[in-house]
Amino acid sequence: MAFDFKKEYKEFYLPKSKPSIVEVPKMNYIAVRGKGDPNAEDSEYKASIGLLYGIAFTIKMSKMGDHKIYGYFDFVVPPLEGFWKQEGCDRIDYSQKEKFEFISVIRLPDFVTKNEFDWAVSEAGRKKKTDFSKAEFLTVDEGLCVQCMHIGSYDNEPRTIELMEEFLVKEGYAVDINDFRFHHEIYLSDPRRTAPEKLKTVIRIPIKKV
């Protein structure tokens, strides 16, 4: 049976619908950076998703080809995630989506080294006749965060974030978004097939002890 990160690491992918504090370990990702409103037609964000999945499935399906990756095990491609920020802001302002800067990511299994990642980028480009050079091998050590499952549309996320911040005040913590620590979302639902009110999104925010 293919390894499923969501099932094996429920503490990071399936939190409850109430805020909790979590220590997130270092993880490696396929990453594509960009700017602008993710909902805009021909947005950089939408383009990034195709690049991420192109590389992720190249790695997953390497088992079918001649290139053998040391330590490979079959896996379910992890969900799409995003790190978000806005210049000069220590919070996310959903009314100014055009000011978003993002790092769109998909988690990599630990057996994927930088060399194997570079092979996958080259192989995906060769097979799909597409330029994958914007993709990078990114290591993120998030550390201490607050997280919560948000159920509903993306535009209603501020309600959940407000609950998270109220929880932080009671527990003696504060939001710690800066140039190195970002607002983080994990998208567990496909918005093309799921009603907005049923979308499931993990919201994760870096914090510090007050």
N, C-alpha and C. Protein backbone atom coordinates (compact mmCIF):
# COMPACT_ATOMS: atom_id res chain seq x y z
N MET A 1 0.84 -1.20 0.00
CA MET A 1 0.00 0.00 0.00
C MET A 1 0.88 1.25 0.00
N ALA A 2 0.51 2.22 -0.81
CA ALA A 2 1.31 3.44 -0.92
C ALA A 2 1.28 4.24 0.38
N PHE A 3 2.42 4.79 0.75
CA PHE A 3 2.56 5.59 1.97
C PHE A 3 1.78 6.89 1.79
N ASP A 4 0.92 7.20 2.76
CA ASP A 4 0.09 8.40 2.69
C ASP A 4 0.48 9.32 3.85
N PHE A 5 1.10 10.45 3.54
CA PHE A 5 1.56 11.38 4.56
C PHE A 5 0.41 11.87 5.44
N LYS A 6 -0.77 12.09 4.85
CA LYS A 6 -1.91 12.59 5.63
C LYS A 6 -2.31 11.61 6.72
N LYS A 7 -2.27 10.31 6.40
CA LYS A 7 -2.68 9.30 7.37
C LYS A 7 -1.58 9.00 8.38
N GLU A 8 -0.33 9.05 7.93
CA GLU A 8 0.79 8.70 8.82
C GLU A 8 1.16 9.85 9.75
N TYR A 9 0.89 11.09 9.34
CA TYR A 9 1.23 12.25 10.15
C TYR A 9 -0.01 13.12 10.36
N LYS A 10 -1.00 12.51 11.03
CA LYS A 10 -2.28 13.20 11.23
C LYS A 10 -2.13 14.48 12.02
N GLU A 11 -1.12 14.54 12.90
CA GLU A 11 -0.95 15.75 13.72
C GLU A 11 -0.61 16.97 12.89
N PHE A 12 -0.09 16.76 11.68
CA PHE A 12 0.27 17.88 10.81
C PHE A 12 -0.75 18.13 9.69
N TYR A 13 -1.53 17.11 9.32
CA TYR A 13 -2.42 17.23 8.19
C TYR A 13 -3.91 17.16 8.54
N LEU A 14 -4.23 16.65 9.72
CA LEU A 14 -5.64 16.49 10.09
C LEU A 14 -5.90 17.01 11.51
N PRO A 15 -5.61 18.28 11.77
CA PRO A 15 -5.90 18.83 13.09
C PRO A 15 -7.40 19.00 13.31
N LYS A 16 -7.78 19.24 14.54
CA LYS A 16 -9.19 19.47 14.86
C LYS A 16 -9.60 20.88 14.43
N SER A 17 -10.91 21.13 14.47
CA SER A 17 -11.43 22.44 14.09
C SER A 17 -11.41 23.41 15.27
N LYS A 18 -10.41 23.26 16.10
CA LYS A 18 -10.15 24.21 17.16
C LYS A 18 -8.64 24.37 17.25
N PRO A 19 -8.14 25.55 17.60
CA PRO A 19 -6.70 25.80 17.55
C PRO A 19 -5.90 24.91 18.49
N SER A 20 -4.69 24.57 18.05
CA SER A 20 -3.76 23.82 18.89
C SER A 20 -2.33 24.23 18.53
N ILE A 21 -1.43 24.04 19.45
CA ILE A 21 -0.03 24.40 19.25
C ILE A 21 0.74 23.14 18.84
N VAL A 22 1.62 23.30 17.85
CA VAL A 22 2.35 22.16 17.32
C VAL A 22 3.78 22.58 17.01
N GLU A 23 4.71 21.65 17.20
CA GLU A 23 6.10 21.85 16.81
C GLU A 23 6.31 21.11 15.50
N VAL A 24 6.54 21.85 14.43
CA VAL A 24 6.63 21.26 13.10
C VAL A 24 8.09 20.99 12.76
N PRO A 25 8.44 19.76 12.40
CA PRO A 25 9.83 19.44 12.08
C PRO A 25 10.23 19.94 10.70
N LYS A 26 11.51 19.85 10.42
CA LYS A 26 12.05 20.24 9.12
C LYS A 26 11.51 19.31 8.04
N MET A 27 11.10 19.89 6.92
CA MET A 27 10.58 19.11 5.79
C MET A 27 11.14 19.66 4.49
N ASN A 28 11.23 18.78 3.48
CA ASN A 28 11.67 19.18 2.15
C ASN A 28 10.48 19.27 1.20
N TYR A 29 10.55 20.24 0.29
CA TYR A 29 9.44 20.49 -0.62
C TYR A 29 9.92 20.73 -2.05
N ILE A 30 9.02 20.45 -3.01
CA ILE A 30 9.09 21.07 -4.33
C ILE A 30 8.47 22.45 -4.14
N ALA A 31 9.11 23.51 -4.62
CA ALA A 31 8.60 24.85 -4.37
C ALA A 31 8.67 25.71 -5.62
N VAL A 32 7.65 26.55 -5.79
CA VAL A 32 7.62 27.54 -6.86
C VAL A 32 7.16 28.86 -6.26
N ARG A 33 7.93 29.91 -6.47
CA ARG A 33 7.61 31.23 -5.90
C ARG A 33 6.88 32.09 -6.92
N GLY A 34 6.09 33.02 -6.40
CA GLY A 34 5.39 33.93 -7.29
C GLY A 34 4.70 35.05 -6.53
N LYS A 35 3.96 35.88 -7.26
CA LYS A 35 3.28 37.03 -6.69
C LYS A 35 1.91 37.18 -7.34
N GLY A 36 1.05 37.96 -6.66
CA GLY A 36 -0.21 38.36 -7.26
C GLY A 36 -1.42 37.61 -6.74
N ASP A 37 -2.58 38.03 -7.20
CA ASP A 37 -3.85 37.43 -6.82
C ASP A 37 -3.93 36.00 -7.35
N PRO A 38 -4.06 35.01 -6.46
CA PRO A 38 -4.09 33.62 -6.95
C PRO A 38 -5.32 33.30 -7.77
N ASN A 39 -6.38 34.11 -7.65
CA ASN A 39 -7.61 33.85 -8.37
C ASN A 39 -7.65 34.49 -9.75
N ALA A 40 -6.66 35.32 -10.05
CA ALA A 40 -6.66 36.02 -11.33
C ALA A 40 -6.44 35.04 -12.49
N GLU A 41 -7.04 35.36 -13.61
CA GLU A 41 -6.85 34.53 -14.79
C GLU A 41 -5.37 34.58 -15.22
N ASP A 42 -4.81 33.42 -15.54
CA ASP A 42 -3.40 33.31 -15.93
C ASP A 42 -2.46 33.79 -14.80
N SER A 43 -2.86 33.55 -13.55
CA SER A 43 -2.03 33.97 -12.41
C SER A 43 -0.78 33.12 -12.31
N GLU A 44 0.25 33.67 -11.69
CA GLU A 44 1.47 32.91 -11.43
C GLU A 44 1.17 31.73 -10.52
N TYR A 45 0.21 31.91 -9.61
CA TYR A 45 -0.13 30.83 -8.67
C TYR A 45 -0.68 29.61 -9.42
N LYS A 46 -1.62 29.83 -10.32
CA LYS A 46 -2.19 28.71 -11.07
C LYS A 46 -1.13 28.02 -11.91
N ALA A 47 -0.22 28.78 -12.47
CA ALA A 47 0.86 28.18 -13.26
C ALA A 47 1.78 27.33 -12.38
N SER A 48 1.98 27.76 -11.13
CA SER A 48 2.88 27.04 -10.22
C SER A 48 2.36 25.64 -9.92
N ILE A 49 1.05 25.48 -9.86
CA ILE A 49 0.47 24.19 -9.49
C ILE A 49 0.83 23.11 -10.52
N GLY A 50 0.76 23.46 -11.80
CA GLY A 50 1.13 22.50 -12.84
C GLY A 50 2.58 22.06 -12.73
N LEU A 51 3.46 22.99 -12.40
CA LEU A 51 4.88 22.65 -12.24
C LEU A 51 5.09 21.70 -11.07
N LEU A 52 4.43 21.99 -9.97
CA LEU A 52 4.59 21.15 -8.77
C LEU A 52 4.15 19.72 -9.03
N TYR A 53 2.97 19.57 -9.59
CA TYR A 53 2.45 18.21 -9.80
C TYR A 53 3.22 17.49 -10.90
N GLY A 54 3.71 18.21 -11.88
CA GLY A 54 4.51 17.58 -12.92
C GLY A 54 5.74 16.91 -12.34
N ILE A 55 6.41 17.58 -11.41
CA ILE A 55 7.61 17.01 -10.78
C ILE A 55 7.24 15.93 -9.79
N ALA A 56 6.19 16.17 -8.99
CA ALA A 56 5.79 15.19 -7.98
C ALA A 56 5.46 13.84 -8.62
N PHE A 57 4.73 13.86 -9.72
CA PHE A 57 4.35 12.60 -10.36
C PHE A 57 5.51 11.98 -11.14
N THR A 58 6.45 12.80 -11.57
CA THR A 58 7.66 12.24 -12.18
C THR A 58 8.43 11.42 -11.16
N ILE A 59 8.52 11.92 -9.92
CA ILE A 59 9.19 11.18 -8.85
C ILE A 59 8.41 9.93 -8.49
N LYS A 60 7.10 10.08 -8.33
CA LYS A 60 6.27 8.93 -7.95
C LYS A 60 6.35 7.81 -8.98
N MET A 61 6.30 8.18 -10.26
CA MET A 61 6.26 7.16 -11.31
C MET A 61 7.64 6.73 -11.79
N SER A 62 8.69 7.20 -11.11
CA SER A 62 10.04 6.78 -11.48
C SER A 62 10.21 5.27 -11.34
N LYS A 63 9.38 4.65 -10.51
CA LYS A 63 9.43 3.20 -10.31
C LYS A 63 9.16 2.44 -11.61
N MET A 64 8.52 3.11 -12.58
CA MET A 64 8.16 2.45 -13.83
C MET A 64 9.25 2.56 -14.89
N GLY A 65 10.28 3.37 -14.61
CA GLY A 65 11.31 3.60 -15.62
C GLY A 65 12.66 3.01 -15.25
N ASP A 66 13.67 3.41 -15.99
CA ASP A 66 15.02 2.89 -15.79
C ASP A 66 15.76 3.59 -14.65
N HIS A 67 15.35 4.80 -14.33
CA HIS A 67 16.02 5.55 -13.27
C HIS A 67 15.49 5.10 -11.91
N LYS A 68 16.35 4.50 -11.12
CA LYS A 68 15.96 3.99 -9.81
C LYS A 68 16.50 4.92 -8.72
N ILE A 69 15.60 5.39 -7.86
CA ILE A 69 15.97 6.29 -6.77
C ILE A 69 16.25 5.47 -5.52
N TYR A 70 17.41 5.65 -4.95
CA TYR A 70 17.80 4.89 -3.75
C TYR A 70 16.84 5.18 -2.61
N GLY A 71 16.34 4.12 -1.99
CA GLY A 71 15.43 4.27 -0.85
C GLY A 71 13.98 4.51 -1.24
N TYR A 72 13.69 4.45 -2.55
CA TYR A 72 12.34 4.75 -3.03
C TYR A 72 11.29 3.85 -2.37
N PHE A 73 10.14 4.43 -2.01
CA PHE A 73 8.95 3.67 -1.64
C PHE A 73 7.76 4.36 -2.28
N ASP A 74 6.76 3.58 -2.62
CA ASP A 74 5.59 4.15 -3.27
C ASP A 74 4.83 5.04 -2.29
N PHE A 75 4.28 6.13 -2.78
CA PHE A 75 3.63 7.10 -1.90
C PHE A 75 2.48 7.79 -2.62
N VAL A 76 1.54 8.25 -1.84
CA VAL A 76 0.47 9.10 -2.34
C VAL A 76 1.03 10.52 -2.41
N VAL A 77 0.90 11.18 -3.55
CA VAL A 77 1.40 12.55 -3.67
C VAL A 77 0.73 13.42 -2.60
N PRO A 78 1.51 14.06 -1.74
CA PRO A 78 0.93 14.86 -0.66
C PRO A 78 0.12 16.04 -1.19
N PRO A 79 -0.70 16.63 -0.33
CA PRO A 79 -1.56 17.73 -0.78
C PRO A 79 -0.78 18.99 -1.13
N LEU A 80 -1.40 19.81 -1.94
CA LEU A 80 -0.85 21.12 -2.26
C LEU A 80 -0.83 21.99 -1.00
N GLU A 81 0.25 22.76 -0.84
CA GLU A 81 0.38 23.67 0.29
C GLU A 81 0.84 25.04 -0.21
N GLY A 82 0.72 26.04 0.64
CA GLY A 82 1.18 27.36 0.26
C GLY A 82 1.66 28.16 1.45
N PHE A 83 2.80 28.81 1.29
CA PHE A 83 3.30 29.79 2.27
C PHE A 83 2.99 31.17 1.69
N TRP A 84 2.35 32.03 2.50
CA TRP A 84 1.85 33.31 2.02
C TRP A 84 2.35 34.47 2.86
N LYS A 85 2.62 35.59 2.22
CA LYS A 85 2.95 36.81 2.95
C LYS A 85 2.61 38.01 2.08
N GLN A 86 2.62 39.18 2.71
CA GLN A 86 2.42 40.46 2.02
C GLN A 86 3.45 41.43 2.54
N GLU A 87 4.10 42.12 1.66
CA GLU A 87 5.19 43.02 2.02
C GLU A 87 4.74 44.02 3.08
N GLY A 88 5.53 44.09 4.17
CA GLY A 88 5.27 45.06 5.22
C GLY A 88 4.14 44.71 6.16
N CYS A 89 3.59 43.48 6.06
CA CYS A 89 2.46 43.08 6.91
C CYS A 89 2.85 41.92 7.81
N ASP A 90 2.39 41.97 9.07
CA ASP A 90 2.60 40.85 9.96
C ASP A 90 1.33 40.00 10.10
N ARG A 91 0.36 40.26 9.22
CA ARG A 91 -0.88 39.49 9.12
C ARG A 91 -1.22 39.35 7.63
N ILE A 92 -2.18 38.50 7.33
CA ILE A 92 -2.65 38.36 5.97
C ILE A 92 -3.91 39.20 5.79
N ASP A 93 -3.89 40.07 4.79
CA ASP A 93 -5.02 40.93 4.49
C ASP A 93 -5.72 40.38 3.24
N TYR A 94 -6.85 39.71 3.44
CA TYR A 94 -7.54 39.05 2.34
C TYR A 94 -8.20 40.03 1.39
N SER A 95 -8.29 41.29 1.77
CA SER A 95 -8.88 42.30 0.88
C SER A 95 -7.87 42.82 -0.13
N GLN A 96 -6.58 42.42 0.02
CA GLN A 96 -5.54 42.89 -0.90
C GLN A 96 -4.78 41.69 -1.49
N LYS A 97 -5.52 40.84 -2.16
CA LYS A 97 -4.93 39.62 -2.70
C LYS A 97 -3.88 39.90 -3.77
N GLU A 98 -3.99 41.06 -4.41
CA GLU A 98 -3.02 41.40 -5.46
C GLU A 98 -1.63 41.63 -4.89
N LYS A 99 -1.52 41.79 -3.56
CA LYS A 99 -0.24 42.02 -2.90
C LYS A 99 0.39 40.73 -2.36
N PHE A 100 -0.26 39.61 -2.62
CA PHE A 100 0.26 38.34 -2.12
C PHE A 100 1.62 38.01 -2.74
N GLU A 101 2.51 37.48 -1.90
CA GLU A 101 3.72 36.80 -2.35
C GLU A 101 3.60 35.38 -1.81
N PHE A 102 3.86 34.40 -2.64
CA PHE A 102 3.63 33.02 -2.21
C PHE A 102 4.80 32.12 -2.56
N ILE A 103 4.86 31.02 -1.81
CA ILE A 103 5.70 29.88 -2.18
C ILE A 103 4.75 28.69 -2.21
N SER A 104 4.43 28.23 -3.40
CA SER A 104 3.54 27.09 -3.58
C SER A 104 4.38 25.82 -3.49
N VAL A 105 3.93 24.84 -2.68
CA VAL A 105 4.79 23.67 -2.40
C VAL A 105 4.00 22.36 -2.37
N ILE A 106 4.74 21.28 -2.60
CA ILE A 106 4.28 19.91 -2.32
C ILE A 106 5.42 19.22 -1.58
N ARG A 107 5.08 18.55 -0.51
CA ARG A 107 6.10 17.88 0.30
C ARG A 107 6.79 16.75 -0.47
N LEU A 108 8.07 16.59 -0.22
CA LEU A 108 8.86 15.52 -0.82
C LEU A 108 9.12 14.41 0.20
N PRO A 109 9.07 13.16 -0.22
CA PRO A 109 9.54 12.08 0.66
C PRO A 109 11.02 12.27 0.98
N ASP A 110 11.44 11.76 2.12
CA ASP A 110 12.82 11.98 2.57
C ASP A 110 13.85 11.33 1.65
N PHE A 111 13.44 10.36 0.84
CA PHE A 111 14.43 9.71 -0.03
C PHE A 111 14.82 10.59 -1.22
N VAL A 112 14.11 11.69 -1.42
CA VAL A 112 14.42 12.57 -2.55
C VAL A 112 15.51 13.56 -2.17
N THR A 113 16.71 13.34 -2.66
CA THR A 113 17.83 14.24 -2.42
C THR A 113 17.81 15.37 -3.44
N LYS A 114 18.67 16.34 -3.25
CA LYS A 114 18.76 17.43 -4.21
C LYS A 114 19.12 16.91 -5.60
N ASN A 115 20.01 15.94 -5.67
CA ASN A 115 20.40 15.37 -6.97
C ASN A 115 19.23 14.68 -7.65
N GLU A 116 18.43 13.94 -6.87
CA GLU A 116 17.28 13.27 -7.45
C GLU A 116 16.20 14.29 -7.86
N PHE A 117 16.10 15.35 -7.09
CA PHE A 117 15.17 16.42 -7.45
C PHE A 117 15.56 17.03 -8.80
N ASP A 118 16.84 17.31 -8.95
CA ASP A 118 17.32 17.88 -10.22
C ASP A 118 17.04 16.94 -11.39
N TRP A 119 17.20 15.64 -11.15
CA TRP A 119 16.86 14.67 -12.20
C TRP A 119 15.38 14.77 -12.56
N ALA A 120 14.51 14.87 -11.55
CA ALA A 120 13.06 14.92 -11.78
C ALA A 120 12.67 16.18 -12.56
N VAL A 121 13.30 17.30 -12.24
CA VAL A 121 13.02 18.54 -12.97
C VAL A 121 13.38 18.37 -14.44
N SER A 122 14.55 17.80 -14.70
CA SER A 122 15.00 17.59 -16.07
C SER A 122 14.10 16.59 -16.80
N GLU A 123 13.75 15.51 -16.11
CA GLU A 123 12.93 14.47 -16.72
C GLU A 123 11.52 14.97 -17.02
N ALA A 124 10.94 15.73 -16.09
CA ALA A 124 9.60 16.29 -16.31
C ALA A 124 9.62 17.24 -17.52
N GLY A 125 10.66 18.05 -17.62
CA GLY A 125 10.78 18.96 -18.75
C GLY A 125 10.91 18.23 -20.06
N ARG A 126 11.69 17.14 -20.05
CA ARG A 126 11.88 16.36 -21.27
C ARG A 126 10.58 15.71 -21.72
N LYS A 127 9.84 15.15 -20.78
CA LYS A 127 8.62 14.42 -21.14
C LYS A 127 7.47 15.34 -21.51
N LYS A 128 7.34 16.45 -20.79
CA LYS A 128 6.19 17.33 -20.99
C LYS A 128 6.49 18.52 -21.90
N LYS A 129 7.75 18.63 -22.34
CA LYS A 129 8.14 19.75 -23.21
C LYS A 129 7.77 21.10 -22.58
N THR A 130 8.03 21.19 -21.28
CA THR A 130 7.69 22.39 -20.49
C THR A 130 8.91 22.80 -19.68
N ASP A 131 9.05 24.09 -19.44
CA ASP A 131 10.16 24.61 -18.64
C ASP A 131 9.81 24.50 -17.15
N PHE A 132 10.50 23.65 -16.43
CA PHE A 132 10.28 23.46 -15.00
C PHE A 132 11.36 24.15 -14.15
N SER A 133 12.12 25.04 -14.75
CA SER A 133 13.28 25.61 -14.07
C SER A 133 12.91 26.53 -12.89
N LYS A 134 11.64 26.97 -12.82
CA LYS A 134 11.22 27.80 -11.69
C LYS A 134 11.09 27.00 -10.41
N ALA A 135 11.01 25.69 -10.52
CA ALA A 135 10.86 24.85 -9.33
C ALA A 135 12.20 24.73 -8.60
N GLU A 136 12.12 24.71 -7.29
CA GLU A 136 13.33 24.59 -6.47
C GLU A 136 13.13 23.57 -5.36
N PHE A 137 14.24 23.04 -4.89
CA PHE A 137 14.27 22.13 -3.75
C PHE A 137 14.37 23.01 -2.50
N LEU A 138 13.32 22.99 -1.66
CA LEU A 138 13.24 23.91 -0.52
C LEU A 138 13.10 23.14 0.78
N THR A 139 13.94 23.48 1.76
CA THR A 139 13.84 22.92 3.10
C THR A 139 13.27 23.98 4.03
N VAL A 140 12.22 23.62 4.76
CA VAL A 140 11.57 24.56 5.68
C VAL A 140 11.55 23.95 7.07
N ASP A 141 12.01 24.72 8.05
CA ASP A 141 11.96 24.32 9.45
C ASP A 141 11.00 25.28 10.16
N GLU A 142 9.71 24.93 10.19
CA GLU A 142 8.69 25.86 10.70
C GLU A 142 8.77 26.09 12.19
N GLY A 143 9.07 25.04 12.94
CA GLY A 143 9.15 25.20 14.39
C GLY A 143 7.79 25.36 15.04
N LEU A 144 7.71 26.25 16.01
CA LEU A 144 6.51 26.40 16.83
C LEU A 144 5.42 27.15 16.07
N CYS A 145 4.23 26.54 16.00
CA CYS A 145 3.11 27.12 15.26
C CYS A 145 1.79 26.86 15.97
N VAL A 146 0.80 27.63 15.60
CA VAL A 146 -0.59 27.32 15.95
C VAL A 146 -1.27 26.88 14.67
N GLN A 147 -2.14 25.86 14.75
CA GLN A 147 -2.81 25.40 13.56
C GLN A 147 -4.26 25.04 13.88
N CYS A 148 -5.06 24.98 12.82
CA CYS A 148 -6.49 24.70 12.99
C CYS A 148 -7.05 24.26 11.65
N MET A 149 -8.03 23.36 11.68
CA MET A 149 -8.73 22.98 10.46
C MET A 149 -9.80 24.02 10.17
N HIS A 150 -9.73 24.61 9.00
CA HIS A 150 -10.76 25.55 8.55
C HIS A 150 -11.67 24.83 7.58
N ILE A 151 -12.96 24.86 7.86
CA ILE A 151 -13.94 24.26 6.96
C ILE A 151 -14.80 25.39 6.38
N GLY A 152 -14.77 25.53 5.06
CA GLY A 152 -15.49 26.61 4.42
C GLY A 152 -14.67 27.24 3.32
N SER A 153 -15.17 28.31 2.77
CA SER A 153 -14.50 28.98 1.66
C SER A 153 -13.21 29.65 2.12
N TYR A 154 -12.32 29.87 1.18
CA TYR A 154 -11.06 30.54 1.49
C TYR A 154 -11.31 31.97 1.98
N ASP A 155 -12.34 32.62 1.45
CA ASP A 155 -12.61 33.99 1.85
C ASP A 155 -13.11 34.10 3.28
N ASN A 156 -13.56 32.98 3.86
CA ASN A 156 -14.01 32.99 5.26
C ASN A 156 -12.91 32.62 6.24
N GLU A 157 -11.69 32.43 5.75
CA GLU A 157 -10.58 32.07 6.64
C GLU A 157 -10.34 33.08 7.77
N PRO A 158 -10.55 34.38 7.56
CA PRO A 158 -10.32 35.33 8.66
C PRO A 158 -11.07 34.99 9.95
N ARG A 159 -12.24 34.37 9.84
CA ARG A 159 -12.98 33.97 11.04
C ARG A 159 -12.19 32.95 11.85
N THR A 160 -11.63 31.96 11.15
CA THR A 160 -10.84 30.94 11.84
C THR A 160 -9.55 31.54 12.39
N ILE A 161 -8.93 32.43 11.63
CA ILE A 161 -7.70 33.06 12.09
C ILE A 161 -7.96 33.90 13.34
N GLU A 162 -9.11 34.55 13.41
CA GLU A 162 -9.46 35.32 14.60
C GLU A 162 -9.56 34.42 15.82
N LEU A 163 -10.16 33.25 15.67
CA LEU A 163 -10.24 32.28 16.76
C LEU A 163 -8.84 31.83 17.18
N MET A 164 -7.97 31.63 16.21
CA MET A 164 -6.60 31.20 16.50
C MET A 164 -5.86 32.26 17.30
N GLU A 165 -6.05 33.52 16.93
CA GLU A 165 -5.34 34.60 17.61
C GLU A 165 -5.88 34.81 19.03
N GLU A 166 -7.19 34.61 19.21
CA GLU A 166 -7.76 34.68 20.55
C GLU A 166 -7.19 33.58 21.44
N PHE A 167 -7.03 32.40 20.86
CA PHE A 167 -6.44 31.27 21.58
C PHE A 167 -5.00 31.58 21.99
N LEU A 168 -4.24 32.19 21.09
CA LEU A 168 -2.85 32.52 21.38
C LEU A 168 -2.73 33.46 22.56
N VAL A 169 -3.58 34.47 22.60
CA VAL A 169 -3.54 35.45 23.70
C VAL A 169 -3.75 34.74 25.04
N LYS A 170 -4.72 33.84 25.07
CA LYS A 170 -5.02 33.11 26.31
C LYS A 170 -3.86 32.21 26.73
N GLU A 171 -3.15 31.67 25.75
CA GLU A 171 -2.06 30.72 26.05
C GLU A 171 -0.71 31.40 26.23
N GLY A 172 -0.64 32.71 26.01
CA GLY A 172 0.60 33.44 26.21
C GLY A 172 1.55 33.42 25.03
N TYR A 173 0.99 33.36 23.82
CA TYR A 173 1.80 33.36 22.60
C TYR A 173 1.39 34.54 21.71
N ALA A 174 2.21 34.81 20.71
CA ALA A 174 1.90 35.87 19.75
C ALA A 174 2.29 35.40 18.35
N VAL A 175 1.63 35.94 17.33
CA VAL A 175 1.96 35.64 15.94
C VAL A 175 3.38 36.10 15.64
N ASP A 176 4.11 35.28 14.87
CA ASP A 176 5.51 35.60 14.57
C ASP A 176 5.77 35.50 13.07
N ILE A 177 4.93 36.14 12.28
CA ILE A 177 5.15 36.20 10.83
C ILE A 177 6.20 37.26 10.54
N ASN A 178 7.20 36.87 9.75
CA ASN A 178 8.26 37.82 9.39
C ASN A 178 8.84 37.42 8.03
N ASP A 179 10.02 37.91 7.71
CA ASP A 179 10.62 37.62 6.40
C ASP A 179 11.03 36.16 6.24
N PHE A 180 11.04 35.40 7.35
CA PHE A 180 11.50 34.01 7.29
C PHE A 180 10.43 33.01 7.72
N ARG A 181 9.36 33.51 8.33
CA ARG A 181 8.28 32.64 8.80
C ARG A 181 6.97 33.15 8.22
N PHE A 182 6.24 32.25 7.53
CA PHE A 182 5.08 32.67 6.75
C PHE A 182 3.78 32.03 7.23
N HIS A 183 2.68 32.69 6.90
CA HIS A 183 1.35 32.10 6.99
C HIS A 183 1.34 30.87 6.07
N HIS A 184 0.81 29.75 6.57
CA HIS A 184 0.92 28.47 5.87
C HIS A 184 -0.46 27.84 5.75
N GLU A 185 -0.79 27.35 4.56
CA GLU A 185 -2.05 26.66 4.35
C GLU A 185 -1.81 25.33 3.64
N ILE A 186 -2.59 24.31 4.03
CA ILE A 186 -2.53 23.00 3.40
C ILE A 186 -3.93 22.71 2.86
N TYR A 187 -4.02 22.43 1.57
CA TYR A 187 -5.32 22.32 0.90
C TYR A 187 -5.70 20.84 0.75
N LEU A 188 -6.64 20.42 1.57
CA LEU A 188 -7.04 19.01 1.60
C LEU A 188 -8.18 18.70 0.64
N SER A 189 -8.82 19.73 0.09
CA SER A 189 -9.95 19.54 -0.82
C SER A 189 -9.61 20.11 -2.19
N ASP A 190 -10.22 19.52 -3.21
CA ASP A 190 -10.10 20.03 -4.56
C ASP A 190 -11.24 21.01 -4.81
N PRO A 191 -10.96 22.31 -4.94
CA PRO A 191 -12.04 23.29 -5.11
C PRO A 191 -12.84 23.10 -6.40
N ARG A 192 -12.32 22.32 -7.34
CA ARG A 192 -13.05 22.06 -8.57
C ARG A 192 -14.17 21.03 -8.36
N ARG A 193 -14.04 20.25 -7.27
CA ARG A 193 -14.99 19.16 -7.03
C ARG A 193 -15.71 19.28 -5.68
N THR A 194 -15.40 20.31 -4.92
CA THR A 194 -15.94 20.45 -3.57
C THR A 194 -16.68 21.77 -3.43
N ALA A 195 -17.85 21.73 -2.82
CA ALA A 195 -18.60 22.96 -2.59
C ALA A 195 -17.81 23.86 -1.65
N PRO A 196 -17.85 25.18 -1.86
CA PRO A 196 -17.05 26.10 -1.04
C PRO A 196 -17.25 25.91 0.47
N GLU A 197 -18.48 25.64 0.90
CA GLU A 197 -18.74 25.51 2.33
C GLU A 197 -18.19 24.21 2.93
N LYS A 198 -17.71 23.30 2.06
CA LYS A 198 -17.17 22.02 2.54
C LYS A 198 -15.66 21.90 2.36
N LEU A 199 -15.02 22.92 1.84
CA LEU A 199 -13.57 22.88 1.66
C LEU A 199 -12.86 22.71 3.00
N LYS A 200 -11.84 21.88 3.01
CA LYS A 200 -11.03 21.68 4.23
C LYS A 200 -9.62 22.21 3.99
N THR A 201 -9.20 23.13 4.84
CA THR A 201 -7.88 23.76 4.72
C THR A 201 -7.23 23.82 6.09
N VAL A 202 -6.03 23.29 6.20
CA VAL A 202 -5.26 23.46 7.43
C VAL A 202 -4.62 24.84 7.39
N ILE A 203 -4.89 25.64 8.41
CA ILE A 203 -4.24 26.95 8.55
C ILE A 203 -3.20 26.84 9.65
N ARG A 204 -1.98 27.25 9.32
CA ARG A 204 -0.88 27.17 10.28
C ARG A 204 -0.15 28.50 10.31
N ILE A 205 0.10 29.01 11.51
CA ILE A 205 0.72 30.33 11.66
C ILE A 205 1.89 30.22 12.64
N PRO A 206 3.05 30.74 12.29
CA PRO A 206 4.19 30.70 13.20
C PRO A 206 3.94 31.58 14.42
N ILE A 207 4.41 31.11 15.57
CA ILE A 207 4.18 31.85 16.82
C ILE A 207 5.44 31.89 17.67
N LYS A 208 5.39 32.73 18.69
CA LYS A 208 6.47 32.81 19.67
C LYS A 208 5.87 33.01 21.05
N LYS A 209 6.58 32.60 22.07
CA LYS A 209 6.13 32.79 23.45
C LYS A 209 6.29 34.25 23.82
N VAL A 210 5.26 34.82 24.46
CA VAL A 210 5.32 36.22 24.88
C VAL A 210 6.08 36.29 26.20
